[in-house]
Amino acid sequence: MPEPRFLLLSDVAAELNVSDSQVYHMVRRGELPAIKIGGRGQWRVERSALEAYIAAKYTETAEWVARNPLVEPDPED
């Protein structure tokens, strides 16, 4: 069975191992693209948008690590 194209916010939260509330705030801030569907305006995140978000976070993290190297104390000090 193919994976669904659209995910519930709770599915996204499970994928990212964060709370539903965190995902909701990511969506509301525009950090994670999502759509509202149905009469009650339920949020859905397209799987490809989630994958793009994850890839962007890997890039962002790598850039942060490069700018903030872990400096270990010199053992001879």
PDB file of N, CA and C in Angstrom:
ATOM      1  N   MET A   1       0.842  -1.178   0.000  1.00  0.00           N
ATOM      2  CA  MET A   1       0.000   0.000   0.000  1.00  0.00           C
ATOM      3  C   MET A   1       0.893   1.249   0.000  1.00  0.00           C
ATOM      4  N   PRO A   2       0.667   2.183  -0.909  1.00  0.00           N
ATOM      5  CA  PRO A   2       1.516   3.381  -0.954  1.00  0.00           C
ATOM      6  C   PRO A   2       1.260   4.285   0.244  1.00  0.00           C
ATOM      7  N   GLU A   3       2.286   5.061   0.585  1.00  0.00           N
ATOM      8  CA  GLU A   3       2.136   6.006   1.685  1.00  0.00           C
ATOM      9  C   GLU A   3       1.160   7.095   1.272  1.00  0.00           C
ATOM     10  N   PRO A   4       0.398   7.633   2.225  1.00  0.00           N
ATOM     11  CA  PRO A   4      -0.544   8.696   1.875  1.00  0.00           C
ATOM     12  C   PRO A   4       0.208   9.965   1.453  1.00  0.00           C
ATOM     13  N   ARG A   5      -0.396  10.698   0.525  1.00  0.00           N
ATOM     14  CA  ARG A   5       0.213  11.942   0.047  1.00  0.00           C
ATOM     15  C   ARG A   5       0.170  13.021   1.135  1.00  0.00           C
ATOM     16  N   PHE A   6      -0.946  13.065   1.877  1.00  0.00           N
ATOM     17  CA  PHE A   6      -1.121  14.085   2.911  1.00  0.00           C
ATOM     18  C   PHE A   6      -1.135  13.449   4.290  1.00  0.00           C
ATOM     19  N   LEU A   7      -0.547  14.163   5.244  1.00  0.00           N
ATOM     20  CA  LEU A   7      -0.431  13.670   6.613  1.00  0.00           C
ATOM     21  C   LEU A   7      -1.199  14.568   7.572  1.00  0.00           C
ATOM     22  N   LEU A   8      -1.770  13.963   8.594  1.00  0.00           N
ATOM     23  CA  LEU A   8      -2.349  14.720   9.695  1.00  0.00           C
ATOM     24  C   LEU A   8      -1.208  15.364  10.479  1.00  0.00           C
ATOM     25  N   LEU A   9      -1.506  16.430  11.213  1.00  0.00           N
ATOM     26  CA  LEU A   9      -0.468  17.043  12.038  1.00  0.00           C
ATOM     27  C   LEU A   9       0.065  16.044  13.060  1.00  0.00           C
ATOM     28  N   SER A  10      -0.797  15.172  13.550  1.00  0.00           N
ATOM     29  CA  SER A  10      -0.346  14.160  14.512  1.00  0.00           C
ATOM     30  C   SER A  10       0.622  13.170  13.864  1.00  0.00           C
ATOM     31  N   ASP A  11       0.414  12.869  12.574  1.00  0.00           N
ATOM     32  CA  ASP A  11       1.352  11.995  11.854  1.00  0.00           C
ATOM     33  C   ASP A  11       2.710  12.675  11.705  1.00  0.00           C
ATOM     34  N   VAL A  12       2.681  13.965  11.384  1.00  0.00           N
ATOM     35  CA  VAL A  12       3.921  14.738  11.249  1.00  0.00           C
ATOM     36  C   VAL A  12       4.645  14.768  12.591  1.00  0.00           C
ATOM     37  N   ALA A  13       3.897  15.000  13.656  1.00  0.00           N
ATOM     38  CA  ALA A  13       4.493  15.030  14.992  1.00  0.00           C
ATOM     39  C   ALA A  13       5.174  13.699  15.302  1.00  0.00           C
ATOM     40  N   ALA A  14       4.526  12.603  14.957  1.00  0.00           N
ATOM     41  CA  ALA A  14       5.113  11.283  15.203  1.00  0.00           C
ATOM     42  C   ALA A  14       6.383  11.100  14.378  1.00  0.00           C
ATOM     43  N   GLU A  15       6.372  11.545  13.126  1.00  0.00           N
ATOM     44  CA  GLU A  15       7.553  11.429  12.252  1.00  0.00           C
ATOM     45  C   GLU A  15       8.735  12.204  12.824  1.00  0.00           C
ATOM     46  N   LEU A  16       8.459  13.398  13.349  1.00  0.00           N
ATOM     47  CA  LEU A  16       9.516  14.268  13.860  1.00  0.00           C
ATOM     48  C   LEU A  16       9.809  14.039  15.346  1.00  0.00           C
ATOM     49  N   ASN A  17       9.008  13.198  15.980  1.00  0.00           N
ATOM     50  CA  ASN A  17       9.147  12.912  17.407  1.00  0.00           C
ATOM     51  C   ASN A  17       9.038  14.191  18.246  1.00  0.00           C
ATOM     52  N   VAL A  18       8.011  14.984  17.930  1.00  0.00           N
ATOM     53  CA  VAL A  18       7.686  16.203  18.676  1.00  0.00           C
ATOM     54  C   VAL A  18       6.195  16.170  19.001  1.00  0.00           C
ATOM     55  N   SER A  19       5.722  17.156  19.737  1.00  0.00           N
ATOM     56  CA  SER A  19       4.306  17.177  20.092  1.00  0.00           C
ATOM     57  C   SER A  19       3.446  17.706  18.949  1.00  0.00           C
ATOM     58  N   ASP A  20       2.176  17.371  18.992  1.00  0.00           N
ATOM     59  CA  ASP A  20       1.224  17.898  18.015  1.00  0.00           C
ATOM     60  C   ASP A  20       1.214  19.422  18.064  1.00  0.00           C
ATOM     61  N   SER A  21       1.310  19.955  19.267  1.00  0.00           N
ATOM     62  CA  SER A  21       1.301  21.406  19.452  1.00  0.00           C
ATOM     63  C   SER A  21       2.490  22.060  18.762  1.00  0.00           C
ATOM     64  N   GLN A  22       3.653  21.448  18.844  1.00  0.00           N
ATOM     65  CA  GLN A  22       4.837  21.998  18.172  1.00  0.00           C
ATOM     66  C   GLN A  22       4.623  22.042  16.664  1.00  0.00           C
ATOM     67  N   VAL A  23       4.055  20.993  16.101  1.00  0.00           N
ATOM     68  CA  VAL A  23       3.805  20.961  14.661  1.00  0.00           C
ATOM     69  C   VAL A  23       2.779  22.031  14.284  1.00  0.00           C
ATOM     70  N   TYR A  24       1.736  22.167  15.080  1.00  0.00           N
ATOM     71  CA  TYR A  24       0.725  23.195  14.815  1.00  0.00           C
ATOM     72  C   TYR A  24       1.373  24.580  14.771  1.00  0.00           C
ATOM     73  N   HIS A  25       2.249  24.858  15.715  1.00  0.00           N
ATOM     74  CA  HIS A  25       2.903  26.165  15.742  1.00  0.00           C
ATOM     75  C   HIS A  25       3.870  26.331  14.565  1.00  0.00           C
ATOM     76  N   MET A  26       4.534  25.269  14.141  1.00  0.00           N
ATOM     77  CA  MET A  26       5.399  25.335  12.957  1.00  0.00           C
ATOM     78  C   MET A  26       4.580  25.696  11.724  1.00  0.00           C
ATOM     79  N   VAL A  27       3.397  25.113  11.616  1.00  0.00           N
ATOM     80  CA  VAL A  27       2.501  25.389  10.493  1.00  0.00           C
ATOM     81  C   VAL A  27       1.993  26.827  10.569  1.00  0.00           C
ATOM     82  N   ARG A  28       1.537  27.244  11.732  1.00  0.00           N
ATOM     83  CA  ARG A  28       0.974  28.593  11.892  1.00  0.00           C
ATOM     84  C   ARG A  28       2.014  29.689  11.675  1.00  0.00           C
ATOM     85  N   ARG A  29       3.289  29.398  11.980  1.00  0.00           N
ATOM     86  CA  ARG A  29       4.367  30.361  11.736  1.00  0.00           C
ATOM     87  C   ARG A  29       4.801  30.374  10.274  1.00  0.00           C
ATOM     88  N   GLY A  30       4.339  29.398   9.495  1.00  0.00           N
ATOM     89  CA  GLY A  30       4.743  29.311   8.097  1.00  0.00           C
ATOM     90  C   GLY A  30       6.056  28.578   7.895  1.00  0.00           C
ATOM     91  N   GLU A  31       6.565  27.968   8.951  1.00  0.00           N
ATOM     92  CA  GLU A  31       7.823  27.228   8.877  1.00  0.00           C
ATOM     93  C   GLU A  31       7.647  25.914   8.107  1.00  0.00           C
ATOM     94  N   LEU A  32       6.478  25.303   8.260  1.00  0.00           N
ATOM     95  CA  LEU A  32       6.162  24.044   7.590  1.00  0.00           C
ATOM     96  C   LEU A  32       4.906  24.259   6.754  1.00  0.00           C
ATOM     97  N   PRO A  33       5.021  24.152   5.428  1.00  0.00           N
ATOM     98  CA  PRO A  33       3.850  24.374   4.574  1.00  0.00           C
ATOM     99  C   PRO A  33       2.752  23.341   4.832  1.00  0.00           C
ATOM    100  N   ALA A  34       1.514  23.832   4.856  1.00  0.00           N
ATOM    101  CA  ALA A  34       0.358  22.959   5.076  1.00  0.00           C
ATOM    102  C   ALA A  34      -0.859  23.592   4.413  1.00  0.00           C
ATOM    103  N   ILE A  35      -1.905  22.797   4.286  1.00  0.00           N
ATOM    104  CA  ILE A  35      -3.173  23.293   3.755  1.00  0.00           C
ATOM    105  C   ILE A  35      -4.280  22.994   4.744  1.00  0.00           C
ATOM    106  N   LYS A  36      -5.340  23.796   4.661  1.00  0.00           N
ATOM    107  CA  LYS A  36      -6.543  23.539   5.460  1.00  0.00           C
ATOM    108  C   LYS A  36      -7.598  22.996   4.516  1.00  0.00           C
ATOM    109  N   ILE A  37      -8.229  21.902   4.913  1.00  0.00           N
ATOM    110  CA  ILE A  37      -9.252  21.290   4.064  1.00  0.00           C
ATOM    111  C   ILE A  37     -10.487  20.984   4.889  1.00  0.00           C
ATOM    112  N   GLY A  38     -11.573  20.779   4.191  1.00  0.00           N
ATOM    113  CA  GLY A  38     -12.815  20.372   4.838  1.00  0.00           C
ATOM    114  C   GLY A  38     -13.530  21.510   5.525  1.00  0.00           C
ATOM    115  N   GLY A  39     -14.761  21.240   5.908  1.00  0.00           N
ATOM    116  CA  GLY A  39     -15.600  22.239   6.550  1.00  0.00           C
ATOM    117  C   GLY A  39     -15.067  22.719   7.884  1.00  0.00           C
ATOM    118  N   ARG A  40     -14.333  21.854   8.572  1.00  0.00           N
ATOM    119  CA  ARG A  40     -13.782  22.244   9.876  1.00  0.00           C
ATOM    120  C   ARG A  40     -12.362  22.781   9.763  1.00  0.00           C
ATOM    121  N   GLY A  41     -11.842  22.882   8.536  1.00  0.00           N
ATOM    122  CA  GLY A  41     -10.511  23.438   8.321  1.00  0.00           C
ATOM    123  C   GLY A  41      -9.401  22.644   8.975  1.00  0.00           C
ATOM    124  N   GLN A  42      -9.374  21.351   8.706  1.00  0.00           N
ATOM    125  CA  GLN A  42      -8.335  20.507   9.289  1.00  0.00           C
ATOM    126  C   GLN A  42      -7.047  20.655   8.487  1.00  0.00           C
ATOM    127  N   TRP A  43      -5.937  20.714   9.200  1.00  0.00           N
ATOM    128  CA  TRP A  43      -4.632  20.892   8.574  1.00  0.00           C
ATOM    129  C   TRP A  43      -4.108  19.570   8.006  1.00  0.00           C
ATOM    130  N   ARG A  44      -3.452  19.681   6.848  1.00  0.00           N
ATOM    131  CA  ARG A  44      -2.769  18.541   6.234  1.00  0.00           C
ATOM    132  C   ARG A  44      -1.424  19.022   5.701  1.00  0.00           C
ATOM    133  N   VAL A  45      -0.424  18.168   5.848  1.00  0.00           N
ATOM    134  CA  VAL A  45       0.922  18.455   5.351  1.00  0.00           C
ATOM    135  C   VAL A  45       1.241  17.430   4.271  1.00  0.00           C
ATOM    136  N   GLU A  46       1.624  17.916   3.120  1.00  0.00           N
ATOM    137  CA  GLU A  46       1.993  17.009   2.036  1.00  0.00           C
ATOM    138  C   GLU A  46       3.322  16.334   2.386  1.00  0.00           C
ATOM    139  N   ARG A  47       3.385  15.033   2.163  1.00  0.00           N
ATOM    140  CA  ARG A  47       4.591  14.268   2.508  1.00  0.00           C
ATOM    141  C   ARG A  47       5.838  14.889   1.880  1.00  0.00           C
ATOM    142  N   SER A  48       5.740  15.324   0.633  1.00  0.00           N
ATOM    143  CA  SER A  48       6.908  15.916  -0.030  1.00  0.00           C
ATOM    144  C   SER A  48       7.332  17.219   0.657  1.00  0.00           C
ATOM    145  N   ALA A  49       6.376  17.980   1.201  1.00  0.00           N
ATOM    146  CA  ALA A  49       6.706  19.205   1.936  1.00  0.00           C
ATOM    147  C   ALA A  49       7.425  18.859   3.238  1.00  0.00           C
ATOM    148  N   LEU A  50       6.997  17.789   3.889  1.00  0.00           N
ATOM    149  CA  LEU A  50       7.674  17.351   5.107  1.00  0.00           C
ATOM    150  C   LEU A  50       9.098  16.914   4.796  1.00  0.00           C
ATOM    151  N   GLU A  51       9.280  16.154   3.731  1.00  0.00           N
ATOM    152  CA  GLU A  51      10.622  15.705   3.345  1.00  0.00           C
ATOM    153  C   GLU A  51      11.516  16.892   3.001  1.00  0.00           C
ATOM    154  N   ALA A  52      10.972  17.898   2.312  1.00  0.00           N
ATOM    155  CA  ALA A  52      11.735  19.106   1.981  1.00  0.00           C
ATOM    156  C   ALA A  52      12.104  19.862   3.253  1.00  0.00           C
ATOM    157  N   TYR A  53      11.174  19.929   4.205  1.00  0.00           N
ATOM    158  CA  TYR A  53      11.430  20.584   5.482  1.00  0.00           C
ATOM    159  C   TYR A  53      12.575  19.888   6.212  1.00  0.00           C
ATOM    160  N   ILE A  54      12.532  18.565   6.250  1.00  0.00           N
ATOM    161  CA  ILE A  54      13.583  17.803   6.928  1.00  0.00           C
ATOM    162  C   ILE A  54      14.928  18.041   6.251  1.00  0.00           C
ATOM    163  N   ALA A  55      14.968  18.019   4.932  1.00  0.00           N
ATOM    164  CA  ALA A  55      16.217  18.261   4.197  1.00  0.00           C
ATOM    165  C   ALA A  55      16.755  19.660   4.492  1.00  0.00           C
ATOM    166  N   ALA A  56      15.863  20.644   4.535  1.00  0.00           N
ATOM    167  CA  ALA A  56      16.283  22.017   4.835  1.00  0.00           C
ATOM    168  C   ALA A  56      16.851  22.109   6.247  1.00  0.00           C
ATOM    169  N   LYS A  57      16.254  21.384   7.185  1.00  0.00           N
ATOM    170  CA  LYS A  57      16.745  21.404   8.566  1.00  0.00           C
ATOM    171  C   LYS A  57      18.129  20.759   8.666  1.00  0.00           C
ATOM    172  N   TYR A  58      18.385  19.706   7.875  1.00  0.00           N
ATOM    173  CA  TYR A  58      19.724  19.109   7.856  1.00  0.00           C
ATOM    174  C   TYR A  58      20.743  20.136   7.363  1.00  0.00           C
ATOM    175  N   THR A  59      20.407  20.858   6.296  1.00  0.00           N
ATOM    176  CA  THR A  59      21.293  21.879   5.755  1.00  0.00           C
ATOM    177  C   THR A  59      21.509  22.988   6.768  1.00  0.00           C
ATOM    178  N   GLU A  60      20.424  23.465   7.364  1.00  0.00           N
ATOM    179  CA  GLU A  60      20.497  24.525   8.374  1.00  0.00           C
ATOM    180  C   GLU A  60      21.362  24.100   9.557  1.00  0.00           C
ATOM    181  N   THR A  61      21.206  22.871   9.998  1.00  0.00           N
ATOM    182  CA  THR A  61      21.984  22.364  11.127  1.00  0.00           C
ATOM    183  C   THR A  61      23.459  22.244  10.765  1.00  0.00           C
ATOM    184  N   ALA A  62      23.759  21.750   9.576  1.00  0.00           N
ATOM    185  CA  ALA A  62      25.153  21.623   9.137  1.00  0.00           C
ATOM    186  C   ALA A  62      25.824  22.993   9.075  1.00  0.00           C
ATOM    187  N   GLU A  63      25.098  24.003   8.583  1.00  0.00           N
ATOM    188  CA  GLU A  63      25.649  25.361   8.525  1.00  0.00           C
ATOM    189  C   GLU A  63      25.886  25.900   9.931  1.00  0.00           C
ATOM    190  N   TRP A  64      24.957  25.637  10.853  1.00  0.00           N
ATOM    191  CA  TRP A  64      25.109  26.091  12.229  1.00  0.00           C
ATOM    192  C   TRP A  64      26.330  25.435  12.874  1.00  0.00           C
ATOM    193  N   VAL A  65      26.489  24.132  12.660  1.00  0.00           N
ATOM    194  CA  VAL A  65      27.627  23.412  13.239  1.00  0.00           C
ATOM    195  C   VAL A  65      28.937  23.973  12.683  1.00  0.00           C
ATOM    196  N   ALA A  66      28.966  24.288  11.385  1.00  0.00           N
ATOM    197  CA  ALA A  66      30.181  24.841  10.782  1.00  0.00           C
ATOM    198  C   ALA A  66      30.528  26.208  11.384  1.00  0.00           C
ATOM    199  N   ARG A  67      29.511  26.995  11.710  1.00  0.00           N
ATOM    200  CA  ARG A  67      29.737  28.323  12.306  1.00  0.00           C
ATOM    201  C   ARG A  67      30.025  28.257  13.799  1.00  0.00           C
ATOM    202  N   ASN A  68      29.660  27.156  14.428  1.00  0.00           N
ATOM    203  CA  ASN A  68      29.802  27.006  15.880  1.00  0.00           C
ATOM    204  C   ASN A  68      30.525  25.708  16.213  1.00  0.00           C
ATOM    205  N   PRO A  69      31.801  25.634  15.871  1.00  0.00           N
ATOM    206  CA  PRO A  69      32.517  24.368  16.113  1.00  0.00           C
ATOM    207  C   PRO A  69      32.611  24.058  17.604  1.00  0.00           C
ATOM    208  N   LEU A  70      32.583  22.779  17.893  1.00  0.00           N
ATOM    209  CA  LEU A  70      32.744  22.323  19.267  1.00  0.00           C
ATOM    210  C   LEU A  70      34.214  22.417  19.592  1.00  0.00           C
ATOM    211  N   VAL A  71      34.530  23.255  20.536  1.00  0.00           N
ATOM    212  CA  VAL A  71      35.933  23.433  20.934  1.00  0.00           C
ATOM    213  C   VAL A  71      36.136  22.704  22.251  1.00  0.00           C
ATOM    214  N   GLU A  72      36.907  21.678  22.174  1.00  0.00           N
ATOM    215  CA  GLU A  72      37.172  20.899  23.378  1.00  0.00           C
ATOM    216  C   GLU A  72      38.400  21.479  24.066  1.00  0.00           C
ATOM    217  N   PRO A  73      38.408  21.469  25.378  1.00  0.00           N
ATOM    218  CA  PRO A  73      39.578  22.004  26.091  1.00  0.00           C
ATOM    219  C   PRO A  73      40.817  21.177  25.778  1.00  0.00           C
ATOM    220  N   ASP A  74      41.942  21.873  25.698  1.00  0.00           N
ATOM    221  CA  ASP A  74      43.208  21.200  25.455  1.00  0.00           C
ATOM    222  C   ASP A  74      43.549  20.362  26.690  1.00  0.00           C
ATOM    223  N   PRO A  75      43.778  19.050  26.524  1.00  0.00           N
ATOM    224  CA  PRO A  75      44.031  18.200  27.687  1.00  0.00           C
ATOM    225  C   PRO A  75      45.334  18.575  28.422  1.00  0.00           C
ATOM    226  N   GLU A  76      46.215  19.357  27.787  1.00  0.00           N
ATOM    227  CA  GLU A  76      47.475  19.721  28.438  1.00  0.00           C
ATOM    228  C   GLU A  76      47.346  21.012  29.223  1.00  0.00           C
ATOM    229  N   ASP A  77      46.182  21.642  29.210  1.00  0.00           N
ATOM    230  CA  ASP A  77      45.995  22.888  29.979  1.00  0.00           C
ATOM    231  C   ASP A  77      45.731  22.607  31.426  1.00  0.00           C
TER     232      ASP A  77
END
